[in-house]
C-alpha atoms as a PDB file:
ATOM      1  CA  UNK A   1      52.733 -60.297  98.899  1.00  0.00           C
ATOM      2  CA  UNK A   2      49.523 -62.313  98.598  1.00  0.00           C
ATOM      3  CA  UNK A   3      49.032 -61.130  95.000  1.00  0.00           C
ATOM      4  CA  UNK A   4      52.571 -62.226  94.149  1.00  0.00           C
ATOM      5  CA  UNK A   5      51.899 -65.715  95.546  1.00  0.00           C
ATOM      6  CA  UNK A   6      48.682 -65.986  93.549  1.00  0.00           C
ATOM      7  CA  UNK A   7      50.449 -64.839  90.363  1.00  0.00           C
ATOM      8  CA  UNK A   8      53.253 -67.361  90.882  1.00  0.00           C
ATOM      9  CA  UNK A   9      50.740 -70.142  91.542  1.00  0.00           C
ATOM     10  CA  UNK A  10      48.830 -69.286  88.367  1.00  0.00           C
ATOM     11  CA  UNK A  11      52.066 -69.171  86.379  1.00  0.00           C
ATOM     12  CA  UNK A  12      52.998 -72.569  87.799  1.00  0.00           C
ATOM     13  CA  UNK A  13      49.646 -74.060  86.773  1.00  0.00           C
ATOM     14  CA  UNK A  14      49.939 -72.645  83.257  1.00  0.00           C
ATOM     15  CA  UNK A  15      53.514 -73.957  83.000  1.00  0.00           C
ATOM     16  CA  UNK A  16      52.318 -77.470  83.868  1.00  0.00           C
ATOM     17  CA  UNK A  17      49.956 -77.344  80.884  1.00  0.00           C
ATOM     18  CA  UNK A  18      52.531 -75.769  78.572  1.00  0.00           C
ATOM     19  CA  UNK A  19      53.458 -77.506  75.359  1.00  0.00           C
ATOM     20  CA  UNK A  20      56.561 -75.378  75.074  1.00  0.00           C
ATOM     21  CA  UNK A  21      58.660 -73.373  77.535  1.00  0.00           C
ATOM     22  CA  UNK A  22      61.492 -71.254  76.113  1.00  0.00           C
ATOM     23  CA  UNK A  23      64.372 -69.305  77.648  1.00  0.00           C
ATOM     24  CA  UNK A  24      66.568 -67.175  75.405  1.00  0.00           C
ATOM     25  CA  UNK A  25      69.383 -64.645  75.175  1.00  0.00           C
ATOM     26  CA  UNK A  26      69.164 -61.677  72.848  1.00  0.00           C
ATOM     27  CA  UNK A  27      71.579 -59.501  70.915  1.00  0.00           C
ATOM     28  CA  UNK A  28      71.763 -56.796  73.621  1.00  0.00           C
ATOM     29  CA  UNK A  29      73.658 -59.317  75.771  1.00  0.00           C
ATOM     30  CA  UNK A  30      76.716 -58.284  73.728  1.00  0.00           C
ATOM     31  CA  UNK A  31      76.338 -54.547  74.406  1.00  0.00           C
ATOM     32  CA  UNK A  32      78.278 -52.794  77.178  1.00  0.00           C
ATOM     33  CA  UNK A  33      76.932 -54.170  80.494  1.00  0.00           C
ATOM     34  CA  UNK A  34      74.255 -55.863  78.417  1.00  0.00           C
ATOM     35  CA  UNK A  35      71.586 -58.279  79.551  1.00  0.00           C
ATOM     36  CA  UNK A  36      68.867 -59.494  77.186  1.00  0.00           C
ATOM     37  CA  UNK A  37      66.737 -62.280  78.675  1.00  0.00           C
ATOM     38  CA  UNK A  38      63.361 -63.595  77.604  1.00  0.00           C
ATOM     39  CA  UNK A  39      61.264 -66.468  78.952  1.00  0.00           C
ATOM     40  CA  UNK A  40      57.939 -67.573  77.482  1.00  0.00           C
ATOM     41  CA  UNK A  41      55.502 -70.442  77.328  1.00  0.00           C
ATOM     42  CA  UNK A  42      52.719 -71.662  75.087  1.00  0.00           C
ATOM     43  CA  UNK A  43      49.870 -73.917  76.240  1.00  0.00           C
ATOM     44  CA  UNK A  44      49.096 -77.061  74.257  1.00  0.00           C
ATOM     45  CA  UNK A  45      47.351 -76.497  70.920  1.00  0.00           C
ATOM     46  CA  UNK A  46      47.357 -72.727  71.448  1.00  0.00           C
ATOM     47  CA  UNK A  47      48.192 -69.880  69.093  1.00  0.00           C
ATOM     48  CA  UNK A  48      49.042 -67.746  72.141  1.00  0.00           C
ATOM     49  CA  UNK A  49      52.502 -67.366  73.618  1.00  0.00           C
ATOM     50  CA  UNK A  50      53.030 -65.375  76.835  1.00  0.00           C
ATOM     51  CA  UNK A  51      56.250 -64.356  78.480  1.00  0.00           C
ATOM     52  CA  UNK A  52      58.445 -61.849  80.242  1.00  0.00           C
ATOM     53  CA  UNK A  53      61.516 -59.969  79.092  1.00  0.00           C
ATOM     54  CA  UNK A  54      64.368 -57.997  80.654  1.00  0.00           C
ATOM     55  CA  UNK A  55      66.769 -55.933  78.527  1.00  0.00           C
ATOM     56  CA  UNK A  56      69.536 -53.641  79.844  1.00  0.00           C
ATOM     57  CA  UNK A  57      72.508 -51.900  78.191  1.00  0.00           C
ATOM     58  CA  UNK A  58      74.767 -48.843  78.541  1.00  0.00           C
ATOM     59  CA  UNK A  59      75.522 -46.274  75.818  1.00  0.00           C
ATOM     60  CA  UNK A  60      78.497 -43.923  75.979  1.00  0.00           C
ATOM     61  CA  UNK A  61      78.451 -40.426  74.486  1.00  0.00           C
ATOM     62  CA  UNK A  62      81.847 -38.961  73.530  1.00  0.00           C
ATOM     63  CA  UNK A  63      83.091 -35.495  72.614  1.00  0.00           C
ATOM     64  CA  UNK A  64      83.670 -35.623  68.826  1.00  0.00           C
ATOM     65  CA  UNK A  65      86.862 -33.524  69.045  1.00  0.00           C
ATOM     66  CA  UNK A  66      88.638 -34.931  72.110  1.00  0.00           C
ATOM     67  CA  UNK A  67      87.017 -38.388  72.261  1.00  0.00           C
ATOM     68  CA  UNK A  68      86.464 -37.907  76.009  1.00  0.00           C
ATOM     69  CA  UNK A  69      83.451 -39.620  77.523  1.00  0.00           C
ATOM     70  CA  UNK A  70      80.767 -37.021  78.266  1.00  0.00           C
ATOM     71  CA  UNK A  71      77.908 -39.211  79.501  1.00  0.00           C
ATOM     72  CA  UNK A  72      76.999 -42.830  80.121  1.00  0.00           C
ATOM     73  CA  UNK A  73      73.371 -43.726  79.618  1.00  0.00           C
ATOM     74  CA  UNK A  74      71.907 -46.868  81.180  1.00  0.00           C
ATOM     75  CA  UNK A  75      68.678 -48.108  79.596  1.00  0.00           C
ATOM     76  CA  UNK A  76      66.340 -50.871  80.738  1.00  0.00           C
ATOM     77  CA  UNK A  77      63.150 -52.336  79.293  1.00  0.00           C
ATOM     78  CA  UNK A  78      61.246 -54.884  81.349  1.00  0.00           C
ATOM     79  CA  UNK A  79      57.743 -56.362  81.277  1.00  0.00           C
ATOM     80  CA  UNK A  80      55.296 -58.998  80.039  1.00  0.00           C
ATOM     81  CA  UNK A  81      54.435 -59.748  76.428  1.00  0.00           C
ATOM     82  CA  UNK A  82      51.960 -61.820  74.434  1.00  0.00           C
ATOM     83  CA  UNK A  83      52.277 -63.089  70.848  1.00  0.00           C
ATOM     84  CA  UNK A  84      49.714 -64.614  68.493  1.00  0.00           C
ATOM     85  CA  UNK A  85      51.371 -67.273  66.292  1.00  0.00           C
ATOM     86  CA  UNK A  86      49.717 -67.762  62.898  1.00  0.00           C
ATOM     87  CA  UNK A  87      50.980 -71.356  62.461  1.00  0.00           C
ATOM     88  CA  UNK A  88      51.685 -72.763  65.933  1.00  0.00           C
ATOM     89  CA  UNK A  89      52.007 -76.350  64.704  1.00  0.00           C
ATOM     90  CA  UNK A  90      54.746 -75.491  62.159  1.00  0.00           C
ATOM     91  CA  UNK A  91      58.493 -75.362  62.840  1.00  0.00           C
ATOM     92  CA  UNK A  92      58.353 -71.600  62.165  1.00  0.00           C
ATOM     93  CA  UNK A  93      55.604 -69.011  62.356  1.00  0.00           C
ATOM     94  CA  UNK A  94      54.994 -65.319  61.800  1.00  0.00           C
ATOM     95  CA  UNK A  95      53.399 -63.620  64.791  1.00  0.00           C
ATOM     96  CA  UNK A  96      51.778 -60.394  65.936  1.00  0.00           C
ATOM     97  CA  UNK A  97      52.555 -59.314  69.450  1.00  0.00           C
ATOM     98  CA  UNK A  98      52.174 -56.768  72.149  1.00  0.00           C
ATOM     99  CA  UNK A  99      53.944 -55.895  75.366  1.00  0.00           C
ATOM    100  CA  UNK A 100      53.694 -53.522  78.286  1.00  0.00           C
ATOM    101  CA  UNK A 101      57.256 -52.493  79.021  1.00  0.00           C
ATOM    102  CA  UNK A 102      58.757 -50.239  81.659  1.00  0.00           C
ATOM    103  CA  UNK A 103      61.431 -48.188  79.885  1.00  0.00           C
ATOM    104  CA  UNK A 104      63.898 -46.629  82.319  1.00  0.00           C
ATOM    105  CA  UNK A 105      66.842 -44.442  81.485  1.00  0.00           C
ATOM    106  CA  UNK A 106      69.600 -42.931  83.649  1.00  0.00           C
ATOM    107  CA  UNK A 107      72.124 -40.550  82.087  1.00  0.00           C
ATOM    108  CA  UNK A 108      75.247 -39.777  84.114  1.00  0.00           C
ATOM    109  CA  UNK A 109      77.525 -36.828  83.349  1.00  0.00           C
ATOM    110  CA  UNK A 110      81.106 -38.060  83.690  1.00  0.00           C
ATOM    111  CA  UNK A 111      82.540 -34.646  84.722  1.00  0.00           C
ATOM    112  CA  UNK A 112      80.120 -33.907  87.551  1.00  0.00           C
ATOM    113  CA  UNK A 113      78.681 -37.319  88.427  1.00  0.00           C
ATOM    114  CA  UNK A 114      75.217 -35.809  88.139  1.00  0.00           C
ATOM    115  CA  UNK A 115      72.474 -38.242  87.056  1.00  0.00           C
ATOM    116  CA  UNK A 116      69.299 -37.464  85.127  1.00  0.00           C
ATOM    117  CA  UNK A 117      66.599 -40.158  85.336  1.00  0.00           C
ATOM    118  CA  UNK A 118      63.322 -40.834  83.555  1.00  0.00           C
ATOM    119  CA  UNK A 119      60.988 -43.787  83.036  1.00  0.00           C
ATOM    120  CA  UNK A 120      57.679 -44.599  81.415  1.00  0.00           C
ATOM    121  CA  UNK A 121      55.420 -47.644  81.149  1.00  0.00           C
ATOM    122  CA  UNK A 122      53.780 -47.954  77.755  1.00  0.00           C
ATOM    123  CA  UNK A 123      52.301 -50.464  75.307  1.00  0.00           C
ATOM    124  CA  UNK A 124      54.415 -51.837  72.455  1.00  0.00           C
ATOM    125  CA  UNK A 125      52.907 -53.412  69.314  1.00  0.00           C
ATOM    126  CA  UNK A 126      54.605 -55.285  66.482  1.00  0.00           C
ATOM    127  CA  UNK A 127      55.490 -58.706  65.237  1.00  0.00           C
ATOM    128  CA  UNK A 128      58.128 -61.003  63.852  1.00  0.00           C
ATOM    129  CA  UNK A 129      59.078 -64.568  63.058  1.00  0.00           C
ATOM    130  CA  UNK A 130      59.943 -67.377  65.466  1.00  0.00           C
ATOM    131  CA  UNK A 131      61.083 -70.887  64.721  1.00  0.00           C
ATOM    132  CA  UNK A 132      62.693 -74.022  66.057  1.00  0.00           C
ATOM    133  CA  UNK A 133      66.129 -75.462  65.386  1.00  0.00           C
ATOM    134  CA  UNK A 134      65.780 -79.137  66.203  1.00  0.00           C
ATOM    135  CA  UNK A 135      63.985 -80.271  69.337  1.00  0.00           C
ATOM    136  CA  UNK A 136      65.710 -78.104  71.942  1.00  0.00           C
ATOM    137  CA  UNK A 137      66.606 -74.761  70.351  1.00  0.00           C
ATOM    138  CA  UNK A 138      64.693 -71.768  68.994  1.00  0.00           C
ATOM    139  CA  UNK A 139      65.258 -68.386  67.371  1.00  0.00           C
ATOM    140  CA  UNK A 140      63.183 -65.225  67.279  1.00  0.00           C
ATOM    141  CA  UNK A 141      63.424 -62.061  65.186  1.00  0.00           C
ATOM    142  CA  UNK A 142      60.938 -59.281  65.801  1.00  0.00           C
ATOM    143  CA  UNK A 143      60.270 -55.616  66.405  1.00  0.00           C
ATOM    144  CA  UNK A 144      57.720 -53.847  68.565  1.00  0.00           C
ATOM    145  CA  UNK A 145      57.150 -50.091  68.638  1.00  0.00           C
ATOM    146  CA  UNK A 146      55.652 -47.632  71.080  1.00  0.00           C
ATOM    147  CA  UNK A 147      55.218 -44.369  69.138  1.00  0.00           C
ATOM    148  CA  UNK A 148      53.785 -42.486  72.118  1.00  0.00           C
ATOM    149  CA  UNK A 149      56.630 -43.232  74.543  1.00  0.00           C
ATOM    150  CA  UNK A 150      58.752 -40.182  75.362  1.00  0.00           C
ATOM    151  CA  UNK A 151      61.657 -39.879  77.787  1.00  0.00           C
ATOM    152  CA  UNK A 152      63.699 -36.794  78.643  1.00  0.00           C
ATOM    153  CA  UNK A 153      66.872 -36.845  80.733  1.00  0.00           C
ATOM    154  CA  UNK A 154      68.901 -33.781  81.636  1.00  0.00           C
ATOM    155  CA  UNK A 155      72.215 -33.148  83.341  1.00  0.00           C
ATOM    156  CA  UNK A 156      74.409 -30.039  83.546  1.00  0.00           C
ATOM    157  CA  UNK A 157      76.331 -31.088  80.409  1.00  0.00           C
ATOM    158  CA  UNK A 158      73.606 -32.722  78.308  1.00  0.00           C
ATOM    159  CA  UNK A 159      69.922 -33.031  77.623  1.00  0.00           C
ATOM    160  CA  UNK A 160      68.354 -35.853  75.652  1.00  0.00           C
ATOM    161  CA  UNK A 161      64.785 -36.521  74.554  1.00  0.00           C
ATOM    162  CA  UNK A 162      63.762 -39.857  73.070  1.00  0.00           C
ATOM    163  CA  UNK A 163      60.460 -39.858  71.206  1.00  0.00           C
ATOM    164  CA  UNK A 164      59.040 -43.281  70.511  1.00  0.00           C
ATOM    165  CA  UNK A 165      60.201 -46.527  71.996  1.00  0.00           C
ATOM    166  CA  UNK A 166      61.273 -49.667  70.197  1.00  0.00           C
ATOM    167  CA  UNK A 167      62.121 -53.200  71.225  1.00  0.00           C
ATOM    168  CA  UNK A 168      64.358 -55.182  68.886  1.00  0.00           C
ATOM    169  CA  UNK A 169      64.133 -58.939  69.361  1.00  0.00           C
ATOM    170  CA  UNK A 170      67.002 -60.944  67.924  1.00  0.00           C
ATOM    171  CA  UNK A 171      67.468 -63.929  70.167  1.00  0.00           C
ATOM    172  CA  UNK A 172      68.103 -67.619  70.411  1.00  0.00           C
ATOM    173  CA  UNK A 173      67.762 -70.088  73.236  1.00  0.00           C
ATOM    174  CA  UNK A 174      66.561 -73.357  74.645  1.00  0.00           C
ATOM    175  CA  UNK A 175      63.085 -74.857  74.444  1.00  0.00           C
ATOM    176  CA  UNK A 176      61.706 -77.498  76.766  1.00  0.00           C
END
């Protein structure tokens, strides 16, 4: 609990010195049970942007012949990220970034109710482009990859292995 208080205090101090604080919604918000939130800040005159993201959605797997739902798979990616902006003083900038995301997956068989779960924490590296739209809005388009991430879920009716993680960033939001 003490570490959490210290982290929150440090975040508060950094926020006070921030030139820009942003909160945005991403494209996964429109997926089934989707949530795609990102918050970040950038200190004055800095190329560095730090933040935190939370992404969650549900996929449905259907029988190709009967169209019955076989499984529902819930996926979540959550964790901190850092980006290096090449032109921080411009209204738009390319960036390179990295994140450490916890990727969790739960696959539920609809016939039996059985759930297979897996999760992994791994580094993601990539980049993209971010820009402003007026004084109070921003957009971001990017992609980070984690080639070494591997998740396997298994139920009595299915087995799925995902090799390599990815994080698509298509979002817009408010800047303060």
